[in-house]
C-alpha atoms as a PDB file:
ATOM      1  CA  MET A   1     151.943 -91.780 -28.492  1.00  0.00           C
ATOM      2  CA  ALA A   2     152.396 -94.093 -31.505  1.00  0.00           C
ATOM      3  CA  ALA A   3     155.387 -95.841 -29.661  1.00  0.00           C
ATOM      4  CA  ILE A   4     153.072 -96.545 -26.745  1.00  0.00           C
ATOM      5  CA  HIS A   5     150.483 -98.087 -28.926  1.00  0.00           C
ATOM      6  CA  ASP A   6     153.125-100.157 -30.715  1.00  0.00           C
ATOM      7  CA  ALA A   7     154.701-101.363 -27.643  1.00  0.00           C
ATOM      8  CA  LEU A   8     151.318-102.551 -26.261  1.00  0.00           C
ATOM      9  CA  GLY A   9     150.188-103.918 -29.513  1.00  0.00           C
ATOM     10  CA  LEU A  10     147.068-101.494 -29.638  1.00  0.00           C
ATOM     11  CA  THR A  11     145.306 -99.832 -32.437  1.00  0.00           C
ATOM     12  CA  PRO A  12     145.002 -96.109 -31.924  1.00  0.00           C
ATOM     13  CA  VAL A  13     141.688 -94.527 -31.571  1.00  0.00           C
ATOM     14  CA  ILE A  14     141.435 -91.708 -34.117  1.00  0.00           C
ATOM     15  CA  ASN A  15     139.054 -88.569 -33.665  1.00  0.00           C
ATOM     16  CA  ALA A  16     137.465 -89.981 -30.550  1.00  0.00           C
ATOM     17  CA  SER A  17     135.387 -87.703 -28.425  1.00  0.00           C
ATOM     18  CA  GLY A  18     137.751 -88.171 -25.522  1.00  0.00           C
ATOM     19  CA  THR A  19     135.034 -88.594 -22.838  1.00  0.00           C
ATOM     20  CA  MET A  20     134.052 -92.177 -22.836  1.00  0.00           C
ATOM     21  CA  THR A  21     135.390 -94.820 -20.365  1.00  0.00           C
ATOM     22  CA  VAL A  22     135.518 -97.488 -23.153  1.00  0.00           C
ATOM     23  CA  ILE A  23     138.221 -95.475 -25.006  1.00  0.00           C
ATOM     24  CA  GLY A  24     140.242 -94.702 -21.848  1.00  0.00           C
ATOM     25  CA  ALA A  25     138.176 -91.475 -21.043  1.00  0.00           C
ATOM     26  CA  SER A  26     139.860 -88.261 -21.887  1.00  0.00           C
ATOM     27  CA  ARG A  27     143.264 -87.349 -22.833  1.00  0.00           C
ATOM     28  CA  VAL A  28     145.001 -86.480 -19.557  1.00  0.00           C
ATOM     29  CA  VAL A  29     145.879 -82.713 -19.429  1.00  0.00           C
ATOM     30  CA  PRO A  30     149.670 -82.052 -19.167  1.00  0.00           C
ATOM     31  CA  GLU A  31     149.314 -80.650 -15.601  1.00  0.00           C
ATOM     32  CA  ALA A  32     147.715 -83.852 -14.369  1.00  0.00           C
ATOM     33  CA  ALA A  33     150.263 -86.053 -16.274  1.00  0.00           C
ATOM     34  CA  ASP A  34     153.084 -84.153 -14.576  1.00  0.00           C
ATOM     35  CA  ALA A  35     151.462 -84.407 -11.078  1.00  0.00           C
ATOM     36  CA  VAL A  36     151.029 -88.201 -11.568  1.00  0.00           C
ATOM     37  CA  ALA A  37     154.671 -88.617 -12.869  1.00  0.00           C
ATOM     38  CA  GLY A  38     155.891 -86.507 -10.001  1.00  0.00           C
ATOM     39  CA  ILE A  39     154.137 -88.382  -7.176  1.00  0.00           C
ATOM     40  CA  LEU A  40     154.544 -91.994  -8.396  1.00  0.00           C
ATOM     41  CA  PRO A  41     158.164 -92.334  -7.143  1.00  0.00           C
ATOM     42  CA  GLU A  42     157.317 -90.843  -3.782  1.00  0.00           C
ATOM     43  CA  PHE A  43     155.852 -91.983  -0.391  1.00  0.00           C
ATOM     44  CA  VAL A  44     152.936 -89.865   0.685  1.00  0.00           C
ATOM     45  CA  ASP A  45     150.660 -89.696   3.594  1.00  0.00           C
ATOM     46  CA  ILE A  46     147.387 -90.404   1.916  1.00  0.00           C
ATOM     47  CA  ALA A  47     145.219 -88.778   4.562  1.00  0.00           C
ATOM     48  CA  ASN A  48     147.210 -85.572   4.211  1.00  0.00           C
ATOM     49  CA  LEU A  49     146.911 -85.789   0.414  1.00  0.00           C
ATOM     50  CA  GLN A  50     143.240 -86.117   0.713  1.00  0.00           C
ATOM     51  CA  ARG A  51     143.120 -83.035   2.854  1.00  0.00           C
ATOM     52  CA  LYS A  52     144.853 -81.070   0.130  1.00  0.00           C
ATOM     53  CA  ALA A  53     142.230 -82.604  -2.248  1.00  0.00           C
ATOM     54  CA  SER A  54     139.387 -81.441   0.032  1.00  0.00           C
ATOM     55  CA  ALA A  55     140.668 -77.964  -0.126  1.00  0.00           C
ATOM     56  CA  ALA A  56     140.997 -78.004  -3.962  1.00  0.00           C
ATOM     57  CA  ILE A  57     137.563 -79.500  -4.427  1.00  0.00           C
ATOM     58  CA  ALA A  58     135.833 -77.110  -2.065  1.00  0.00           C
ATOM     59  CA  ALA A  59     137.410 -74.146  -3.905  1.00  0.00           C
ATOM     60  CA  ALA A  60     136.330 -75.472  -7.294  1.00  0.00           C
ATOM     61  CA  THR A  61     132.782 -76.458  -6.348  1.00  0.00           C
ATOM     62  CA  ARG A  62     131.989 -73.920  -3.454  1.00  0.00           C
ATOM     63  CA  ALA A  63     131.223 -76.937  -1.236  1.00  0.00           C
ATOM     64  CA  GLU A  64     132.252 -77.408   2.395  1.00  0.00           C
ATOM     65  CA  ALA A  65     134.575 -80.373   1.813  1.00  0.00           C
ATOM     66  CA  GLY A  66     135.486 -83.185  -0.722  1.00  0.00           C
ATOM     67  CA  PHE A  67     137.605 -86.210  -1.400  1.00  0.00           C
ATOM     68  CA  VAL A  68     138.847 -88.266  -4.277  1.00  0.00           C
ATOM     69  CA  THR A  69     137.671 -91.819  -4.988  1.00  0.00           C
ATOM     70  CA  SER A  70     138.719 -94.537  -7.396  1.00  0.00           C
ATOM     71  CA  SER A  71     135.920 -93.728  -9.776  1.00  0.00           C
ATOM     72  CA  SER A  72     132.615 -91.919  -9.896  1.00  0.00           C
ATOM     73  CA  ALA A  73     130.773 -95.202  -9.886  1.00  0.00           C
ATOM     74  CA  SER A  74     132.447 -96.134  -6.537  1.00  0.00           C
ATOM     75  CA  ALA A  75     131.513 -92.720  -5.208  1.00  0.00           C
ATOM     76  CA  ILE A  76     127.776 -93.597  -5.599  1.00  0.00           C
ATOM     77  CA  THR A  77     128.390 -96.673  -3.404  1.00  0.00           C
ATOM     78  CA  LEU A  78     130.516 -94.775  -0.851  1.00  0.00           C
ATOM     79  CA  GLY A  79     128.127 -91.754  -0.684  1.00  0.00           C
ATOM     80  CA  ILE A  80     125.071 -93.923  -0.056  1.00  0.00           C
ATOM     81  CA  ALA A  81     127.005 -95.935   2.451  1.00  0.00           C
ATOM     82  CA  GLY A  82     128.030 -92.758   4.268  1.00  0.00           C
ATOM     83  CA  ALA A  83     124.394 -91.645   4.478  1.00  0.00           C
ATOM     84  CA  MET A  84     123.441 -94.938   5.962  1.00  0.00           C
ATOM     85  CA  THR A  85     126.289 -95.193   8.482  1.00  0.00           C
ATOM     86  CA  GLY A  86     127.338 -91.725   9.337  1.00  0.00           C
ATOM     87  CA  ALA A  87     130.759 -91.836  11.154  1.00  0.00           C
ATOM     88  CA  ASP A  88     129.743 -94.764  13.227  1.00  0.00           C
ATOM     89  CA  PRO A  89     132.837 -97.178  12.947  1.00  0.00           C
ATOM     90  CA  ALA A  90     130.830-100.269  13.988  1.00  0.00           C
ATOM     91  CA  ALA A  91     128.181 -99.690  11.253  1.00  0.00           C
ATOM     92  CA  ILE A  92     130.923 -98.992   8.660  1.00  0.00           C
ATOM     93  CA  GLU A  93     132.538-102.317   9.459  1.00  0.00           C
ATOM     94  CA  ARG A  94     129.099-104.042   9.224  1.00  0.00           C
ATOM     95  CA  LEU A  95     128.241-103.006   5.737  1.00  0.00           C
ATOM     96  CA  PRO A  96     127.007-104.359   3.379  1.00  0.00           C
ATOM     97  CA  ASP A  97     124.743-105.774   6.150  1.00  0.00           C
ATOM     98  CA  PRO A  98     122.476-102.627   6.899  1.00  0.00           C
ATOM     99  CA  HIS A  99     120.867-104.197  10.007  1.00  0.00           C
ATOM    100  CA  GLY A 100     119.650-101.514  12.348  1.00  0.00           C
ATOM    101  CA  LEU A 101     120.347 -98.716   9.785  1.00  0.00           C
ATOM    102  CA  LYS A 102     118.207 -96.714   7.522  1.00  0.00           C
ATOM    103  CA  ASP A 103     118.699 -98.752   4.405  1.00  0.00           C
ATOM    104  CA  GLU A 104     116.528 -97.398   1.556  1.00  0.00           C
ATOM    105  CA  VAL A 105     117.675 -94.990  -1.221  1.00  0.00           C
ATOM    106  CA  VAL A 106     114.994 -93.213  -3.478  1.00  0.00           C
ATOM    107  CA  VAL A 107     115.822 -92.937  -7.262  1.00  0.00           C
ATOM    108  CA  GLN A 108     113.546 -91.704  -9.960  1.00  0.00           C
ATOM    109  CA  ALA A 109     112.576 -94.649 -12.175  1.00  0.00           C
ATOM    110  CA  GLY A 110     113.926 -92.817 -15.265  1.00  0.00           C
ATOM    111  CA  HIS A 111     117.359 -92.498 -13.652  1.00  0.00           C
ATOM    112  CA  LEU A 112     117.761 -96.222 -13.119  1.00  0.00           C
ATOM    113  CA  VAL A 113     119.957 -96.555 -16.161  1.00  0.00           C
ATOM    114  CA  ASN A 114     122.901 -98.482 -17.193  1.00  0.00           C
ATOM    115  CA  PHE A 115     126.006 -96.221 -17.611  1.00  0.00           C
ATOM    116  CA  GLY A 116     128.333 -99.310 -18.226  1.00  0.00           C
ATOM    117  CA  ALA A 117     126.951-100.964 -15.061  1.00  0.00           C
ATOM    118  CA  PRO A 118     123.494-100.394 -13.557  1.00  0.00           C
ATOM    119  CA  VAL A 119     123.037 -97.422 -11.276  1.00  0.00           C
ATOM    120  CA  GLU A 120     120.979 -99.669  -9.013  1.00  0.00           C
ATOM    121  CA  GLN A 121     123.839-102.125  -8.627  1.00  0.00           C
ATOM    122  CA  MET A 122     126.176 -99.298  -7.468  1.00  0.00           C
ATOM    123  CA  ALA A 123     123.636 -98.446  -4.776  1.00  0.00           C
ATOM    124  CA  ARG A 124     123.034-101.988  -3.824  1.00  0.00           C
ATOM    125  CA  LEU A 125     126.753-102.588  -3.239  1.00  0.00           C
ATOM    126  CA  SER A 126     126.376-100.513  -0.113  1.00  0.00           C
ATOM    127  CA  GLY A 127     123.737-102.767   1.216  1.00  0.00           C
ATOM    128  CA  ALA A 128     120.977-100.319   0.313  1.00  0.00           C
ATOM    129  CA  ILE A 129     117.483-101.194  -1.058  1.00  0.00           C
ATOM    130  CA  VAL A 130     116.656 -99.105  -4.171  1.00  0.00           C
ATOM    131  CA  VAL A 131     113.129 -97.633  -4.166  1.00  0.00           C
ATOM    132  CA  ALA A 132     112.026 -96.494  -7.583  1.00  0.00           C
ATOM    133  CA  ALA A 133     109.930 -93.402  -7.677  1.00  0.00           C
ATOM    134  CA  GLY A 134     107.208 -93.281 -10.324  1.00  0.00           C
ATOM    135  CA  THR A 135     107.550 -94.938 -13.723  1.00  0.00           C
ATOM    136  CA  ALA A 136     110.198 -94.500 -16.420  1.00  0.00           C
ATOM    137  CA  PHE A 137     108.577 -91.597 -18.391  1.00  0.00           C
ATOM    138  CA  ASP A 138     106.420 -90.266 -15.436  1.00  0.00           C
ATOM    139  CA  VAL A 139     107.896 -89.108 -12.177  1.00  0.00           C
ATOM    140  CA  GLN A 140     105.782 -86.526 -10.392  1.00  0.00           C
ATOM    141  CA  PRO A 141     106.580 -84.879  -6.998  1.00  0.00           C
ATOM    142  CA  PHE A 142     104.009 -87.130  -5.344  1.00  0.00           C
ATOM    143  CA  HIS A 143     105.756 -90.165  -6.541  1.00  0.00           C
ATOM    144  CA  ILE A 144     108.877 -89.051  -4.769  1.00  0.00           C
ATOM    145  CA  GLU A 145     107.022 -88.162  -1.532  1.00  0.00           C
ATOM    146  CA  ALA A 146     105.395 -91.603  -1.501  1.00  0.00           C
ATOM    147  CA  ALA A 147     108.640 -93.406  -2.150  1.00  0.00           C
ATOM    148  CA  ILE A 148     110.208 -91.690   1.050  1.00  0.00           C
ATOM    149  CA  SER A 149     109.729 -93.685   4.228  1.00  0.00           C
ATOM    150  CA  GLU A 150     111.143 -93.822   7.767  1.00  0.00           C
ATOM    151  CA  ARG A 151     113.757 -96.192   6.285  1.00  0.00           C
ATOM    152  CA  THR A 152     115.084 -93.800   3.721  1.00  0.00           C
ATOM    153  CA  ALA A 153     118.711 -93.035   4.197  1.00  0.00           C
ATOM    154  CA  ALA A 154     119.214 -90.870   0.977  1.00  0.00           C
ATOM    155  CA  ALA A 155     117.973 -89.979  -2.473  1.00  0.00           C
ATOM    156  CA  LEU A 156     119.943 -90.296  -5.537  1.00  0.00           C
ATOM    157  CA  PHE A 157     119.548 -87.977  -8.645  1.00  0.00           C
ATOM    158  CA  VAL A 158     121.384 -88.836 -11.907  1.00  0.00           C
ATOM    159  CA  VAL A 159     122.462 -86.162 -14.375  1.00  0.00           C
ATOM    160  CA  SER A 160     123.392 -87.945 -17.569  1.00  0.00           C
ATOM    161  CA  HIS A 161     122.705 -88.387 -21.255  1.00  0.00           C
ATOM    162  CA  HIS A 162     121.660 -91.944 -20.313  1.00  0.00           C
ATOM    163  CA  VAL A 163     118.648 -90.934 -18.221  1.00  0.00           C
ATOM    164  CA  VAL A 164     115.091 -90.562 -19.584  1.00  0.00           C
ATOM    165  CA  ALA A 165     114.819 -86.974 -20.916  1.00  0.00           C
ATOM    166  CA  THR A 166     111.226 -86.294 -20.270  1.00  0.00           C
ATOM    167  CA  GLY A 167     108.779 -86.866 -17.451  1.00  0.00           C
ATOM    168  CA  GLN A 168     111.315 -86.519 -14.613  1.00  0.00           C
ATOM    169  CA  THR A 169     111.133 -84.205 -11.551  1.00  0.00           C
ATOM    170  CA  ASP A 170     113.838 -81.596 -11.783  1.00  0.00           C
ATOM    171  CA  LEU A 171     116.730 -81.367  -9.295  1.00  0.00           C
ATOM    172  CA  SER A 172     115.623 -78.234  -7.442  1.00  0.00           C
ATOM    173  CA  THR A 173     112.108 -79.765  -6.729  1.00  0.00           C
ATOM    174  CA  PHE A 174     113.669 -83.135  -5.929  1.00  0.00           C
ATOM    175  CA  ILE A 175     115.920 -81.454  -3.245  1.00  0.00           C
ATOM    176  CA  ASP A 176     113.006 -79.416  -1.785  1.00  0.00           C
ATOM    177  CA  ILE A 177     110.847 -82.637  -1.435  1.00  0.00           C
ATOM    178  CA  CYS A 178     113.685 -84.727   0.136  1.00  0.00           C
ATOM    179  CA  HIS A 179     114.971 -81.967   2.509  1.00  0.00           C
ATOM    180  CA  ALA A 180     111.425 -81.454   3.790  1.00  0.00           C
ATOM    181  CA  ARG A 181     111.505 -85.132   4.943  1.00  0.00           C
ATOM    182  CA  GLY A 182     115.095 -84.766   6.285  1.00  0.00           C
ATOM    183  CA  VAL A 183     116.530 -86.836   3.477  1.00  0.00           C
ATOM    184  CA  PRO A 184     120.035 -86.027   2.001  1.00  0.00           C
ATOM    185  CA  VAL A 185     120.375 -85.695  -1.738  1.00  0.00           C
ATOM    186  CA  ILE A 186     123.229 -87.273  -3.685  1.00  0.00           C
ATOM    187  CA  VAL A 187     123.756 -86.161  -7.189  1.00  0.00           C
ATOM    188  CA  ASP A 188     125.729 -88.262  -9.690  1.00  0.00           C
ATOM    189  CA  MET A 189     126.768 -85.935 -12.613  1.00  0.00           C
ATOM    190  CA  ALA A 190     129.988 -87.784 -13.559  1.00  0.00           C
ATOM    191  CA  SER A 191     130.264 -86.645 -17.094  1.00  0.00           C
ATOM    192  CA  GLU A 192     129.218 -82.994 -16.481  1.00  0.00           C
ATOM    193  CA  TYR A 193     131.754 -80.051 -16.399  1.00  0.00           C
ATOM    194  CA  ASP A 194     129.560 -77.820 -14.240  1.00  0.00           C
ATOM    195  CA  LEU A 195     131.074 -77.917 -10.862  1.00  0.00           C
ATOM    196  CA  THR A 196     128.914 -75.520  -8.979  1.00  0.00           C
ATOM    197  CA  SER A 197     125.291 -75.504  -9.806  1.00  0.00           C
ATOM    198  CA  ALA A 198     124.170 -78.680  -7.968  1.00  0.00           C
ATOM    199  CA  ILE A 199     125.978 -77.564  -4.803  1.00  0.00           C
ATOM    200  CA  ALA A 200     124.319 -74.082  -5.075  1.00  0.00           C
ATOM    201  CA  LEU A 201     120.885 -75.712  -5.333  1.00  0.00           C
ATOM    202  CA  GLY A 202     121.540 -77.433  -1.992  1.00  0.00           C
ATOM    203  CA  SER A 203     122.628 -80.971  -2.926  1.00  0.00           C
ATOM    204  CA  ASP A 204     124.224 -82.598  -0.042  1.00  0.00           C
ATOM    205  CA  LEU A 205     126.750 -84.697  -1.984  1.00  0.00           C
ATOM    206  CA  VAL A 206     127.766 -84.374  -5.628  1.00  0.00           C
ATOM    207  CA  ILE A 207     129.961 -86.673  -7.712  1.00  0.00           C
ATOM    208  CA  TRP A 208     132.002 -86.008 -10.820  1.00  0.00           C
ATOM    209  CA  SER A 209     134.437 -88.038 -12.878  1.00  0.00           C
ATOM    210  CA  ALA A 210     138.086 -86.676 -12.722  1.00  0.00           C
ATOM    211  CA  HIS A 211     138.921 -88.350 -15.988  1.00  0.00           C
ATOM    212  CA  LYS A 212     136.223 -87.164 -18.521  1.00  0.00           C
ATOM    213  CA  PHE A 213     135.882 -83.460 -19.117  1.00  0.00           C
ATOM    214  CA  LEU A 214     138.380 -82.490 -16.566  1.00  0.00           C
ATOM    215  CA  GLY A 215     141.026 -84.509 -18.295  1.00  0.00           C
ATOM    216  CA  GLY A 216     142.495 -86.048 -15.130  1.00  0.00           C
ATOM    217  CA  PRO A 217     143.472 -89.704 -14.374  1.00  0.00           C
ATOM    218  CA  THR A 218     140.828 -92.285 -13.606  1.00  0.00           C
ATOM    219  CA  ALA A 219     139.257 -91.092 -10.342  1.00  0.00           C
ATOM    220  CA  GLY A 220     136.098 -89.702  -8.923  1.00  0.00           C
ATOM    221  CA  ILE A 221     135.468 -86.358  -7.165  1.00  0.00           C
ATOM    222  CA  VAL A 222     133.003 -86.008  -4.419  1.00  0.00           C
ATOM    223  CA  ALA A 223     131.954 -82.619  -2.813  1.00  0.00           C
ATOM    224  CA  GLY A 224     129.298 -81.610  -0.416  1.00  0.00           C
ATOM    225  CA  ARG A 225     128.402 -81.207   3.305  1.00  0.00           C
ATOM    226  CA  LYS A 226     131.403 -81.819   5.425  1.00  0.00           C
ATOM    227  CA  ASP A 227     129.676 -84.446   7.636  1.00  0.00           C
ATOM    228  CA  LEU A 228     128.546 -86.577   4.729  1.00  0.00           C
ATOM    229  CA  VAL A 229     131.849 -86.129   2.921  1.00  0.00           C
ATOM    230  CA  ARG A 230     133.488 -87.477   6.089  1.00  0.00           C
ATOM    231  CA  ALA A 231     131.123 -90.317   6.440  1.00  0.00           C
ATOM    232  CA  ALA A 232     131.733 -91.374   2.810  1.00  0.00           C
ATOM    233  CA  TYR A 233     135.458 -91.056   3.148  1.00  0.00           C
ATOM    234  CA  LEU A 234     135.439 -93.195   6.327  1.00  0.00           C
ATOM    235  CA  GLN A 235     134.091 -96.111   4.278  1.00  0.00           C
ATOM    236  CA  SER A 236     137.667 -96.758   3.426  1.00  0.00           C
ATOM    237  CA  ARG A 237     137.610 -98.581   6.739  1.00  0.00           C
ATOM    238  CA  GLY A 238     134.981-100.963   5.386  1.00  0.00           C
ATOM    239  CA  ILE A 239     133.577-101.662   1.951  1.00  0.00           C
ATOM    240  CA  GLY A 240     135.549 -98.780   0.565  1.00  0.00           C
ATOM    241  CA  ARG A 241     138.896-100.533   1.196  1.00  0.00           C
ATOM    242  CA  ALA A 242     138.115-102.556  -2.104  1.00  0.00           C
ATOM    243  CA  MET A 243     137.623 -99.206  -3.947  1.00  0.00           C
ATOM    244  CA  LYS A 244     140.702 -97.256  -2.640  1.00  0.00           C
ATOM    245  CA  VAL A 245     142.188 -94.667  -4.929  1.00  0.00           C
ATOM    246  CA  GLY A 246     146.007 -94.431  -5.348  1.00  0.00           C
ATOM    247  CA  LYS A 247     148.210 -91.402  -4.624  1.00  0.00           C
ATOM    248  CA  GLU A 248     148.394 -90.865  -8.481  1.00  0.00           C
ATOM    249  CA  GLY A 249     144.637 -90.592  -8.789  1.00  0.00           C
ATOM    250  CA  ILE A 250     144.356 -87.934  -6.024  1.00  0.00           C
ATOM    251  CA  ALA A 251     147.303 -85.900  -7.137  1.00  0.00           C
ATOM    252  CA  GLY A 252     146.150 -86.007 -10.673  1.00  0.00           C
ATOM    253  CA  ALA A 253     142.601 -85.021  -9.804  1.00  0.00           C
ATOM    254  CA  ILE A 254     143.884 -82.083  -7.831  1.00  0.00           C
ATOM    255  CA  ALA A 255     146.071 -80.961 -10.739  1.00  0.00           C
ATOM    256  CA  ALA A 256     143.149 -81.317 -13.281  1.00  0.00           C
ATOM    257  CA  LEU A 257     140.924 -79.210 -11.054  1.00  0.00           C
ATOM    258  CA  ASP A 258     143.604 -76.434 -10.821  1.00  0.00           C
ATOM    259  CA  ALA A 259     144.094 -76.519 -14.577  1.00  0.00           C
ATOM    260  CA  ARG A 260     140.566 -76.473 -15.616  1.00  0.00           C
END
């Protein structure tokens, strides 16, 4: 380790928490490091590798399907884009122009935080318009109901130490309100280790970081309904091309999930 820091001219970070992106996120677990080293010299069919990832993610989260992204931040963009376009290839190629599509995403005002970049910006990269429900310290169920319209493509719920801790509507109630209006719920819980509760509550798409508490390489993990997972994954034929994950990210994320 010291040799690596010396070679790159870096100052080692001592006694770091190991979970923050600014310090390189977590130390990668040996199983993930071995998987990355093993796949880097090889050619691989990315689609087949993502199928293996889907099986591993589904087993770990109890969701229908999943895939690996370049980061959890990009997964927010891809998930919202998938809710807007579905599997329509013409719509996928048209983004971030949302003409003719449902193009609004509802987010509680207290969840519109900056995690290193604004949550709102990650949503807007898809072409979506962010509709804030309530105010920073007061988001009631009626605020969420009022924010939903015929243009609402999805609703985003953020689980993070960055969000306002009081005055927000809980996830279960948020899901019930959105599902009653036919709106899918995307949950960003990048830094959380709990891989099952949000899916069990009925979330349609859930996002985690592969490289924080899981100890994998830099990547994002997406799990949820098979149709929405597929729609988000297909964004690789459009705006997602600029966010593509490498074989090492996919293999490392699978290994980190298996080693947890």
